[in-house]
Each structure stands twice: as C-alpha cells, then as structure tokens.
C-alpha cells in the first residue's frame, strides 16, 4: 500500500469514526406530555403538550433513530422515597424483586426530594447498592441523570451519590454488574470547566461502556436532542470515548 493510499485510508477511517460518534445509537431518556399529565402537574406548571410525533421529529432532527420513553408517573409530587427509612427500603426491595421476576428493566430517578429537604448523598447511594440492587440481580437497572436531576450538574448531594456509584463500578462490585448510568441533561452549553472535568473523570471511572446518552424532557430551557448531544460533545473526552458512548446499547434493547 502506498503512503498516499495509506494516508487517505486512515483519514477516511478517522472521518468515519468522528461521524459515527456524532449520532448516538439511541436517546435513552425521553418523555412525552399529554394535556392530562400537564393538568395534574398543577396550574403553575410551564409544561407544554408534547406527543410522540413531536418527540420523533426532534429525534429525526438529531439523527437519532430510537429512544427510551419513560413514564411521567414519578413526577406527581415525586414518590418521596427515603432510603434512610427501613420501611421504604423494604417496600422497594419487594418492587425490585417483582421486576426481577418479571424480567423488567428498572429506571430510577435517584435524587431524593429537594423541595422537602430530604437527605441525599453517599449514604443513600450505598444503601441502594447494598440493599436494593441485590433484590434485582438479573435485570438492567438504569440510574437517571448521573444520580441527579438535571438540567446541569450543580447539585453537590447528587455528585456525592454519583461518586459512590462510580467507585463501586470502578472496583467491579458484583452488585453493579447490571447497573447503567444515563447522562440525561447533566451537561449544558454553559457547564463550568471544573464540572466538565468532574463529569469526564466520573465517566471514565464508571467505564464508557456503561454510560448511556439521554436528553430528558424537551421542555422549557432543557436542550433538545440535537443541541443536547452537541453540548455533551464539548466535554474533554477523546473521540474514541465519544464513539463508545454513542454506540452503547443497553441490554433491554438487545
């Protein structure tokens, strides 16, 4: 092979890898909003109707062919689960065990209630790993928003909880074997450099093969899928790392 041909071949390979990284295999955290759901959210809500057709149009614009559509059942007042309460943990273990028996994927919005000032951080993540994950050892458990809420990653308790998950996954704790983390809405255009570095360090600690791209709800100031992926692409990750995250497909899609 001549030097010119080899150079052209390598250039084409790099271009192809970059193009592949530009479009995630899926958006693993999306929502639709009916008028009925918006009414339940209360008169002060800024939510607007968004049906499946509208979400598909946004995904098409971003070049994303599939999405995981999540229920909004969790949003009404939130469930106010408190992992410091043994009764709550016992009930959740029953739910996790039932999901495991039915071979159902579990997607968890971990962040305890902010408005009610519920405790949240490393202790709650530890309880989750030690007491809840063992109740669902055979199914995928996806923790949303990198254990926070989004948009952004400014919440210290969420970062503390995520640090516990990341450390457990880095040491290959067997209880985290089926644990995945989605990054829905934690990276926006204005993310501070120190937070961008923290997100990257945490992604690497978790392992890029266990990180799922997600957009979250296309409402208000939240970025839409195309803009959200563009913002995520500004993180100081390598092209190979972006490519890995872009092509990740969770077990429940296989």
C-alpha atoms as a PDB file:
ATOM      1  CA  UNK A   1       0.000   0.000   0.000  1.00  0.00           C
ATOM      2  CA  UNK A   2       1.471   3.392  -0.989  1.00  0.00           C
ATOM      3  CA  UNK A   3       1.922   6.163   1.571  1.00  0.00           C
ATOM      4  CA  UNK A   4      -0.739   8.246  -0.221  1.00  0.00           C
ATOM      5  CA  UNK A   5      -3.295   5.421  -0.212  1.00  0.00           C
ATOM      6  CA  UNK A   6      -2.487   4.596   3.418  1.00  0.00           C
ATOM      7  CA  UNK A   7      -2.908   8.261   4.362  1.00  0.00           C
ATOM      8  CA  UNK A   8      -6.237   8.504   2.560  1.00  0.00           C
ATOM      9  CA  UNK A   9      -7.394   5.268   4.183  1.00  0.00           C
ATOM     10  CA  UNK A  10      -6.517   6.481   7.682  1.00  0.00           C
ATOM     11  CA  UNK A  11      -8.117   9.877   7.051  1.00  0.00           C
ATOM     12  CA  UNK A  12     -11.315   8.201   5.892  1.00  0.00           C
ATOM     13  CA  UNK A  13     -11.277   5.963   8.961  1.00  0.00           C
ATOM     14  CA  UNK A  14     -10.913   8.931  11.295  1.00  0.00           C
ATOM     15  CA  UNK A  15     -13.679  10.828   9.493  1.00  0.00           C
ATOM     16  CA  UNK A  16     -15.958   7.786   9.701  1.00  0.00           C
ATOM     17  CA  UNK A  17     -15.231   7.372  13.407  1.00  0.00           C
ATOM     18  CA  UNK A  18     -15.998  11.041  14.024  1.00  0.00           C
ATOM     19  CA  UNK A  19     -19.243  10.855  12.057  1.00  0.00           C
ATOM     20  CA  UNK A  20     -20.259   7.728  13.951  1.00  0.00           C
ATOM     21  CA  UNK A  21     -19.631   9.497  17.236  1.00  0.00           C
ATOM     22  CA  UNK A  22     -21.826  12.390  16.159  1.00  0.00           C
ATOM     23  CA  UNK A  23     -25.033  10.369  16.339  1.00  0.00           C
ATOM     24  CA  UNK A  24     -25.906   8.214  19.362  1.00  0.00           C
ATOM     25  CA  UNK A  25     -27.498   4.842  18.747  1.00  0.00           C
ATOM     26  CA  UNK A  26     -30.389   5.986  20.903  1.00  0.00           C
ATOM     27  CA  UNK A  27     -31.731   8.563  23.312  1.00  0.00           C
ATOM     28  CA  UNK A  28     -32.234   6.530  26.465  1.00  0.00           C
ATOM     29  CA  UNK A  29     -34.173   9.124  28.445  1.00  0.00           C
ATOM     30  CA  UNK A  30     -37.160  10.818  26.830  1.00  0.00           C
ATOM     31  CA  UNK A  31     -40.691  11.872  27.814  1.00  0.00           C
ATOM     32  CA  UNK A  32     -43.997  12.849  26.222  1.00  0.00           C
ATOM     33  CA  UNK A  33     -46.520  15.188  27.832  1.00  0.00           C
ATOM     34  CA  UNK A  34     -50.269  14.894  27.433  1.00  0.00           C
ATOM     35  CA  UNK A  35     -52.733  17.609  28.415  1.00  0.00           C
ATOM     36  CA  UNK A  36     -53.982  15.306  31.181  1.00  0.00           C
ATOM     37  CA  UNK A  37     -50.489  14.969  32.644  1.00  0.00           C
ATOM     38  CA  UNK A  38     -49.914  18.711  32.433  1.00  0.00           C
ATOM     39  CA  UNK A  39     -53.148  19.391  34.306  1.00  0.00           C
ATOM     40  CA  UNK A  40     -52.060  17.024  37.075  1.00  0.00           C
ATOM     41  CA  UNK A  41     -48.813  18.968  37.384  1.00  0.00           C
ATOM     42  CA  UNK A  42     -50.807  21.978  38.611  1.00  0.00           C
ATOM     43  CA  UNK A  43     -51.685  25.477  37.422  1.00  0.00           C
ATOM     44  CA  UNK A  44     -48.187  26.881  37.972  1.00  0.00           C
ATOM     45  CA  UNK A  45     -46.508  24.458  35.563  1.00  0.00           C
ATOM     46  CA  UNK A  46     -44.706  25.680  32.474  1.00  0.00           C
ATOM     47  CA  UNK A  47     -45.054  22.315  30.718  1.00  0.00           C
ATOM     48  CA  UNK A  48     -46.386  22.257  27.172  1.00  0.00           C
ATOM     49  CA  UNK A  49     -48.054  19.373  25.318  1.00  0.00           C
ATOM     50  CA  UNK A  50     -45.569  17.138  23.521  1.00  0.00           C
ATOM     51  CA  UNK A  51     -46.781  13.972  21.826  1.00  0.00           C
ATOM     52  CA  UNK A  52     -44.876  11.057  20.304  1.00  0.00           C
ATOM     53  CA  UNK A  53     -44.932  12.681  16.867  1.00  0.00           C
ATOM     54  CA  UNK A  54     -43.242  15.765  18.302  1.00  0.00           C
ATOM     55  CA  UNK A  55     -40.539  13.706  20.044  1.00  0.00           C
ATOM     56  CA  UNK A  56     -39.903  11.717  16.853  1.00  0.00           C
ATOM     57  CA  UNK A  57     -39.423  14.962  14.923  1.00  0.00           C
ATOM     58  CA  UNK A  58     -36.842  16.130  17.466  1.00  0.00           C
ATOM     59  CA  UNK A  59     -35.024  12.804  17.297  1.00  0.00           C
ATOM     60  CA  UNK A  60     -35.063  12.912  13.480  1.00  0.00           C
ATOM     61  CA  UNK A  61     -33.508  16.376  13.586  1.00  0.00           C
ATOM     62  CA  UNK A  62     -30.693  14.961  15.728  1.00  0.00           C
ATOM     63  CA  UNK A  63     -30.264  11.862  13.570  1.00  0.00           C
ATOM     64  CA  UNK A  64     -31.240   9.578  16.464  1.00  0.00           C
ATOM     65  CA  UNK A  65     -33.356   6.656  15.318  1.00  0.00           C
ATOM     66  CA  UNK A  66     -34.650   5.268  18.627  1.00  0.00           C
ATOM     67  CA  UNK A  67     -35.462   6.403  22.149  1.00  0.00           C
ATOM     68  CA  UNK A  68     -36.412   5.016  25.531  1.00  0.00           C
ATOM     69  CA  UNK A  69     -39.678   6.656  26.532  1.00  0.00           C
ATOM     70  CA  UNK A  70     -40.032   6.975  30.303  1.00  0.00           C
ATOM     71  CA  UNK A  71     -43.260   7.254  32.244  1.00  0.00           C
ATOM     72  CA  UNK A  72     -44.099  10.530  33.959  1.00  0.00           C
ATOM     73  CA  UNK A  73     -45.756   8.694  36.847  1.00  0.00           C
ATOM     74  CA  UNK A  74     -42.819   9.565  39.101  1.00  0.00           C
ATOM     75  CA  UNK A  75     -43.226  13.349  38.683  1.00  0.00           C
ATOM     76  CA  UNK A  76     -46.502  13.963  40.522  1.00  0.00           C
ATOM     77  CA  UNK A  77     -45.200  15.264  43.839  1.00  0.00           C
ATOM     78  CA  UNK A  78     -42.461  12.654  43.436  1.00  0.00           C
ATOM     79  CA  UNK A  79     -42.720   9.487  45.489  1.00  0.00           C
ATOM     80  CA  UNK A  80     -40.772  10.938  48.437  1.00  0.00           C
ATOM     81  CA  UNK A  81     -38.898   7.687  48.882  1.00  0.00           C
ATOM     82  CA  UNK A  82     -36.363   7.992  51.692  1.00  0.00           C
ATOM     83  CA  UNK A  83     -33.665   5.364  51.718  1.00  0.00           C
ATOM     84  CA  UNK A  84     -32.901   6.139  55.360  1.00  0.00           C
ATOM     85  CA  UNK A  85     -36.312   4.695  56.261  1.00  0.00           C
ATOM     86  CA  UNK A  86     -36.111   0.881  56.620  1.00  0.00           C
ATOM     87  CA  UNK A  87     -39.812   0.560  55.769  1.00  0.00           C
ATOM     88  CA  UNK A  88     -39.280   2.366  52.474  1.00  0.00           C
ATOM     89  CA  UNK A  89     -36.279   0.193  51.670  1.00  0.00           C
ATOM     90  CA  UNK A  90     -38.201  -2.981  52.487  1.00  0.00           C
ATOM     91  CA  UNK A  91     -41.048  -1.965  50.192  1.00  0.00           C
ATOM     92  CA  UNK A  92     -38.648  -1.036  47.407  1.00  0.00           C
ATOM     93  CA  UNK A  93     -36.921  -4.403  47.737  1.00  0.00           C
ATOM     94  CA  UNK A  94     -40.299  -6.012  47.030  1.00  0.00           C
ATOM     95  CA  UNK A  95     -40.704  -3.839  43.923  1.00  0.00           C
ATOM     96  CA  UNK A  96     -37.182  -4.653  42.698  1.00  0.00           C
ATOM     97  CA  UNK A  97     -37.710  -8.357  43.318  1.00  0.00           C
ATOM     98  CA  UNK A  98     -41.008  -8.295  41.416  1.00  0.00           C
ATOM     99  CA  UNK A  99     -39.346  -6.527  38.484  1.00  0.00           C
ATOM    100  CA  UNK A 100     -36.551  -9.081  38.531  1.00  0.00           C
ATOM    101  CA  UNK A 101     -39.035 -11.978  38.499  1.00  0.00           C
ATOM    102  CA  UNK A 102     -40.861 -10.403  35.563  1.00  0.00           C
ATOM    103  CA  UNK A 103     -37.576  -9.615  33.779  1.00  0.00           C
ATOM    104  CA  UNK A 104     -38.398  -5.896  33.681  1.00  0.00           C
ATOM    105  CA  UNK A 105     -35.799  -3.160  33.380  1.00  0.00           C
ATOM    106  CA  UNK A 106     -35.741  -0.648  36.239  1.00  0.00           C
ATOM    107  CA  UNK A 107     -35.075   3.041  35.580  1.00  0.00           C
ATOM    108  CA  UNK A 108     -34.532   5.067  38.747  1.00  0.00           C
ATOM    109  CA  UNK A 109     -34.697   8.792  39.398  1.00  0.00           C
ATOM    110  CA  UNK A 110     -32.495   8.624  42.498  1.00  0.00           C
ATOM    111  CA  UNK A 111     -32.491  12.205  43.752  1.00  0.00           C
ATOM    112  CA  UNK A 112     -34.467  12.487  46.983  1.00  0.00           C
ATOM    113  CA  UNK A 113     -36.968  15.340  47.246  1.00  0.00           C
ATOM    114  CA  UNK A 114     -35.278  18.716  47.043  1.00  0.00           C
ATOM    115  CA  UNK A 115     -38.382  20.717  47.967  1.00  0.00           C
ATOM    116  CA  UNK A 116     -38.879  18.668  51.154  1.00  0.00           C
ATOM    117  CA  UNK A 117     -35.203  18.792  52.082  1.00  0.00           C
ATOM    118  CA  UNK A 118     -34.797  15.017  52.254  1.00  0.00           C
ATOM    119  CA  UNK A 119     -31.281  13.733  52.954  1.00  0.00           C
ATOM    120  CA  UNK A 120     -29.383  12.572  49.899  1.00  0.00           C
ATOM    121  CA  UNK A 121     -25.829  11.721  49.037  1.00  0.00           C
ATOM    122  CA  UNK A 122     -23.298   8.965  49.512  1.00  0.00           C
ATOM    123  CA  UNK A 123     -25.185   7.192  52.290  1.00  0.00           C
ATOM    124  CA  UNK A 124     -28.294   6.793  50.155  1.00  0.00           C
ATOM    125  CA  UNK A 125     -26.277   5.517  47.181  1.00  0.00           C
ATOM    126  CA  UNK A 126     -24.598   2.977  49.473  1.00  0.00           C
ATOM    127  CA  UNK A 127     -27.970   1.740  50.722  1.00  0.00           C
ATOM    128  CA  UNK A 128     -29.133   1.451  47.123  1.00  0.00           C
ATOM    129  CA  UNK A 129     -26.124  -0.676  46.183  1.00  0.00           C
ATOM    130  CA  UNK A 130     -26.112  -2.843  49.293  1.00  0.00           C
ATOM    131  CA  UNK A 131     -29.833  -3.394  49.829  1.00  0.00           C
ATOM    132  CA  UNK A 132     -31.736  -2.758  46.597  1.00  0.00           C
ATOM    133  CA  UNK A 133     -29.505  -3.964  43.759  1.00  0.00           C
ATOM    134  CA  UNK A 134     -29.231  -7.469  45.268  1.00  0.00           C
ATOM    135  CA  UNK A 135     -33.034  -7.751  45.012  1.00  0.00           C
ATOM    136  CA  UNK A 136     -32.839  -7.390  41.216  1.00  0.00           C
ATOM    137  CA  UNK A 137     -29.640  -9.227  40.240  1.00  0.00           C
ATOM    138  CA  UNK A 138     -30.755 -10.360  36.787  1.00  0.00           C
ATOM    139  CA  UNK A 139     -32.177  -7.220  35.155  1.00  0.00           C
ATOM    140  CA  UNK A 140     -30.811  -3.905  33.970  1.00  0.00           C
ATOM    141  CA  UNK A 141     -31.007  -1.052  36.476  1.00  0.00           C
ATOM    142  CA  UNK A 142     -30.553   2.375  34.892  1.00  0.00           C
ATOM    143  CA  UNK A 143     -29.895   5.301  37.228  1.00  0.00           C
ATOM    144  CA  UNK A 144     -31.015   8.515  35.546  1.00  0.00           C
ATOM    145  CA  UNK A 145     -29.275  11.890  35.369  1.00  0.00           C
ATOM    146  CA  UNK A 146     -25.997  10.528  36.783  1.00  0.00           C
ATOM    147  CA  UNK A 147     -27.817  10.137  40.118  1.00  0.00           C
ATOM    148  CA  UNK A 148     -29.015  13.769  39.993  1.00  0.00           C
ATOM    149  CA  UNK A 149     -31.893  15.621  38.371  1.00  0.00           C
ATOM    150  CA  UNK A 150     -30.616  17.965  35.684  1.00  0.00           C
ATOM    151  CA  UNK A 151     -30.511  20.289  33.952  1.00  0.00           C
ATOM    152  CA  UNK A 152     -26.881  20.818  34.878  1.00  0.00           C
ATOM    153  CA  UNK A 153     -24.713  19.122  37.476  1.00  0.00           C
ATOM    154  CA  UNK A 154     -24.553  21.800  40.141  1.00  0.00           C
ATOM    155  CA  UNK A 155     -26.128  19.770  42.975  1.00  0.00           C
ATOM    156  CA  UNK A 156     -23.433  18.614  45.497  1.00  0.00           C
ATOM    157  CA  UNK A 157     -25.525  15.784  47.027  1.00  0.00           C
ATOM    158  CA  UNK A 158     -26.075  14.310  43.570  1.00  0.00           C
ATOM    159  CA  UNK A 159     -22.365  14.422  42.849  1.00  0.00           C
ATOM    160  CA  UNK A 160     -21.674  12.736  46.194  1.00  0.00           C
ATOM    161  CA  UNK A 161     -24.124   9.941  45.400  1.00  0.00           C
ATOM    162  CA  UNK A 162     -22.665   9.523  41.930  1.00  0.00           C
ATOM    163  CA  UNK A 163     -19.161   9.263  43.385  1.00  0.00           C
ATOM    164  CA  UNK A 164     -20.283   6.229  45.398  1.00  0.00           C
ATOM    165  CA  UNK A 165     -21.749   4.554  42.291  1.00  0.00           C
ATOM    166  CA  UNK A 166     -18.626   5.324  40.279  1.00  0.00           C
ATOM    167  CA  UNK A 167     -16.305   3.939  42.961  1.00  0.00           C
ATOM    168  CA  UNK A 168     -18.346   0.741  43.230  1.00  0.00           C
ATOM    169  CA  UNK A 169     -18.280   0.245  39.464  1.00  0.00           C
ATOM    170  CA  UNK A 170     -14.564   1.021  39.249  1.00  0.00           C
ATOM    171  CA  UNK A 171     -13.797  -1.723  41.767  1.00  0.00           C
ATOM    172  CA  UNK A 172     -16.131  -4.095  39.901  1.00  0.00           C
ATOM    173  CA  UNK A 173     -18.519  -4.575  42.801  1.00  0.00           C
ATOM    174  CA  UNK A 174     -20.570  -7.585  41.612  1.00  0.00           C
ATOM    175  CA  UNK A 175     -23.787  -5.896  42.707  1.00  0.00           C
ATOM    176  CA  UNK A 176     -23.247  -3.251  39.999  1.00  0.00           C
ATOM    177  CA  UNK A 177     -22.861  -5.829  37.202  1.00  0.00           C
ATOM    178  CA  UNK A 178     -26.157  -4.788  35.575  1.00  0.00           C
ATOM    179  CA  UNK A 179     -26.015  -1.122  36.593  1.00  0.00           C
ATOM    180  CA  UNK A 180     -26.006   1.580  33.898  1.00  0.00           C
ATOM    181  CA  UNK A 181     -25.929   5.377  34.265  1.00  0.00           C
ATOM    182  CA  UNK A 182     -27.572   7.848  31.914  1.00  0.00           C
ATOM    183  CA  UNK A 183     -26.263  11.388  31.479  1.00  0.00           C
ATOM    184  CA  UNK A 184     -29.601  12.982  30.589  1.00  0.00           C
ATOM    185  CA  UNK A 185     -29.407  16.785  30.814  1.00  0.00           C
ATOM    186  CA  UNK A 186     -26.402  16.965  33.163  1.00  0.00           C
ATOM    187  CA  UNK A 187     -24.284  18.708  30.515  1.00  0.00           C
ATOM    188  CA  UNK A 188     -25.482  22.008  29.124  1.00  0.00           C
ATOM    189  CA  UNK A 189     -23.825  24.658  26.995  1.00  0.00           C
ATOM    190  CA  UNK A 190     -22.678  26.679  29.979  1.00  0.00           C
ATOM    191  CA  UNK A 191     -21.164  23.894  32.084  1.00  0.00           C
ATOM    192  CA  UNK A 192     -18.236  25.158  34.144  1.00  0.00           C
ATOM    193  CA  UNK A 193     -14.809  23.740  33.230  1.00  0.00           C
ATOM    194  CA  UNK A 194     -14.342  22.187  36.661  1.00  0.00           C
ATOM    195  CA  UNK A 195     -17.704  20.425  36.416  1.00  0.00           C
ATOM    196  CA  UNK A 196     -16.958  19.291  32.876  1.00  0.00           C
ATOM    197  CA  UNK A 197     -13.733  17.738  34.158  1.00  0.00           C
ATOM    198  CA  UNK A 198     -15.610  16.084  37.024  1.00  0.00           C
ATOM    199  CA  UNK A 199     -18.150  14.602  34.603  1.00  0.00           C
ATOM    200  CA  UNK A 200     -15.357  13.261  32.401  1.00  0.00           C
ATOM    201  CA  UNK A 201     -13.443  11.808  35.345  1.00  0.00           C
ATOM    202  CA  UNK A 202     -16.618  10.150  36.607  1.00  0.00           C
ATOM    203  CA  UNK A 203     -17.477   8.740  33.183  1.00  0.00           C
ATOM    204  CA  UNK A 204     -14.017   7.196  32.991  1.00  0.00           C
ATOM    205  CA  UNK A 205     -14.342   5.775  36.486  1.00  0.00           C
ATOM    206  CA  UNK A 206     -17.722   4.221  35.666  1.00  0.00           C
ATOM    207  CA  UNK A 207     -16.447   2.998  32.307  1.00  0.00           C
ATOM    208  CA  UNK A 208     -17.608   4.433  28.989  1.00  0.00           C
ATOM    209  CA  UNK A 209     -19.258   1.109  28.168  1.00  0.00           C
ATOM    210  CA  UNK A 210     -21.787   1.619  30.994  1.00  0.00           C
ATOM    211  CA  UNK A 211     -22.780   5.225  30.193  1.00  0.00           C
ATOM    212  CA  UNK A 212     -25.983   5.910  28.264  1.00  0.00           C
ATOM    213  CA  UNK A 213     -26.720   9.112  26.388  1.00  0.00           C
ATOM    214  CA  UNK A 214     -30.046  10.774  27.188  1.00  0.00           C
ATOM    215  CA  UNK A 215     -31.707  14.120  26.557  1.00  0.00           C
ATOM    216  CA  UNK A 216     -34.555  14.303  29.113  1.00  0.00           C
ATOM    217  CA  UNK A 217     -37.761  16.202  28.513  1.00  0.00           C
ATOM    218  CA  UNK A 218     -37.858  18.647  25.611  1.00  0.00           C
ATOM    219  CA  UNK A 219     -39.454  21.344  27.728  1.00  0.00           C
ATOM    220  CA  UNK A 220     -38.668  24.897  28.767  1.00  0.00           C
ATOM    221  CA  UNK A 221     -34.963  25.628  28.983  1.00  0.00           C
ATOM    222  CA  UNK A 222     -33.951  21.991  28.526  1.00  0.00           C
ATOM    223  CA  UNK A 223     -31.838  21.390  25.443  1.00  0.00           C
ATOM    224  CA  UNK A 224     -33.479  19.475  22.603  1.00  0.00           C
ATOM    225  CA  UNK A 225     -31.820  16.234  21.435  1.00  0.00           C
ATOM    226  CA  UNK A 226     -29.608  17.754  18.747  1.00  0.00           C
ATOM    227  CA  UNK A 227     -28.391  20.638  20.931  1.00  0.00           C
ATOM    228  CA  UNK A 228     -28.010  18.340  23.932  1.00  0.00           C
ATOM    229  CA  UNK A 229     -25.711  15.942  22.090  1.00  0.00           C
ATOM    230  CA  UNK A 230     -23.728  18.886  20.718  1.00  0.00           C
ATOM    231  CA  UNK A 231     -23.259  20.197  24.267  1.00  0.00           C
ATOM    232  CA  UNK A 232     -22.225  16.761  25.502  1.00  0.00           C
ATOM    233  CA  UNK A 233     -19.690  16.535  22.667  1.00  0.00           C
ATOM    234  CA  UNK A 234     -17.884  19.564  24.113  1.00  0.00           C
ATOM    235  CA  UNK A 235     -16.709  17.573  27.119  1.00  0.00           C
ATOM    236  CA  UNK A 236     -12.946  16.887  27.135  1.00  0.00           C
ATOM    237  CA  UNK A 237     -13.394  13.221  26.204  1.00  0.00           C
ATOM    238  CA  UNK A 238     -11.456  11.534  23.409  1.00  0.00           C
ATOM    239  CA  UNK A 239     -13.060  10.694  20.070  1.00  0.00           C
ATOM    240  CA  UNK A 240     -12.825   7.016  20.988  1.00  0.00           C
ATOM    241  CA  UNK A 241     -14.696   7.657  24.236  1.00  0.00           C
ATOM    242  CA  UNK A 242     -17.430   9.624  22.461  1.00  0.00           C
ATOM    243  CA  UNK A 243     -17.728   6.837  19.910  1.00  0.00           C
ATOM    244  CA  UNK A 244     -18.115   4.223  22.647  1.00  0.00           C
ATOM    245  CA  UNK A 245     -20.848   6.177  24.420  1.00  0.00           C
ATOM    246  CA  UNK A 246     -22.599   6.891  21.125  1.00  0.00           C
ATOM    247  CA  UNK A 247     -22.790   3.226  20.195  1.00  0.00           C
ATOM    248  CA  UNK A 248     -23.776   1.910  23.630  1.00  0.00           C
ATOM    249  CA  UNK A 249     -26.965  -0.134  23.568  1.00  0.00           C
ATOM    250  CA  UNK A 250     -28.428  -1.259  26.917  1.00  0.00           C
ATOM    251  CA  UNK A 251     -29.419  -4.905  27.381  1.00  0.00           C
ATOM    252  CA  UNK A 252     -33.131  -4.090  27.275  1.00  0.00           C
ATOM    253  CA  UNK A 253     -32.727  -3.073  23.628  1.00  0.00           C
ATOM    254  CA  UNK A 254     -30.896  -6.197  22.527  1.00  0.00           C
END
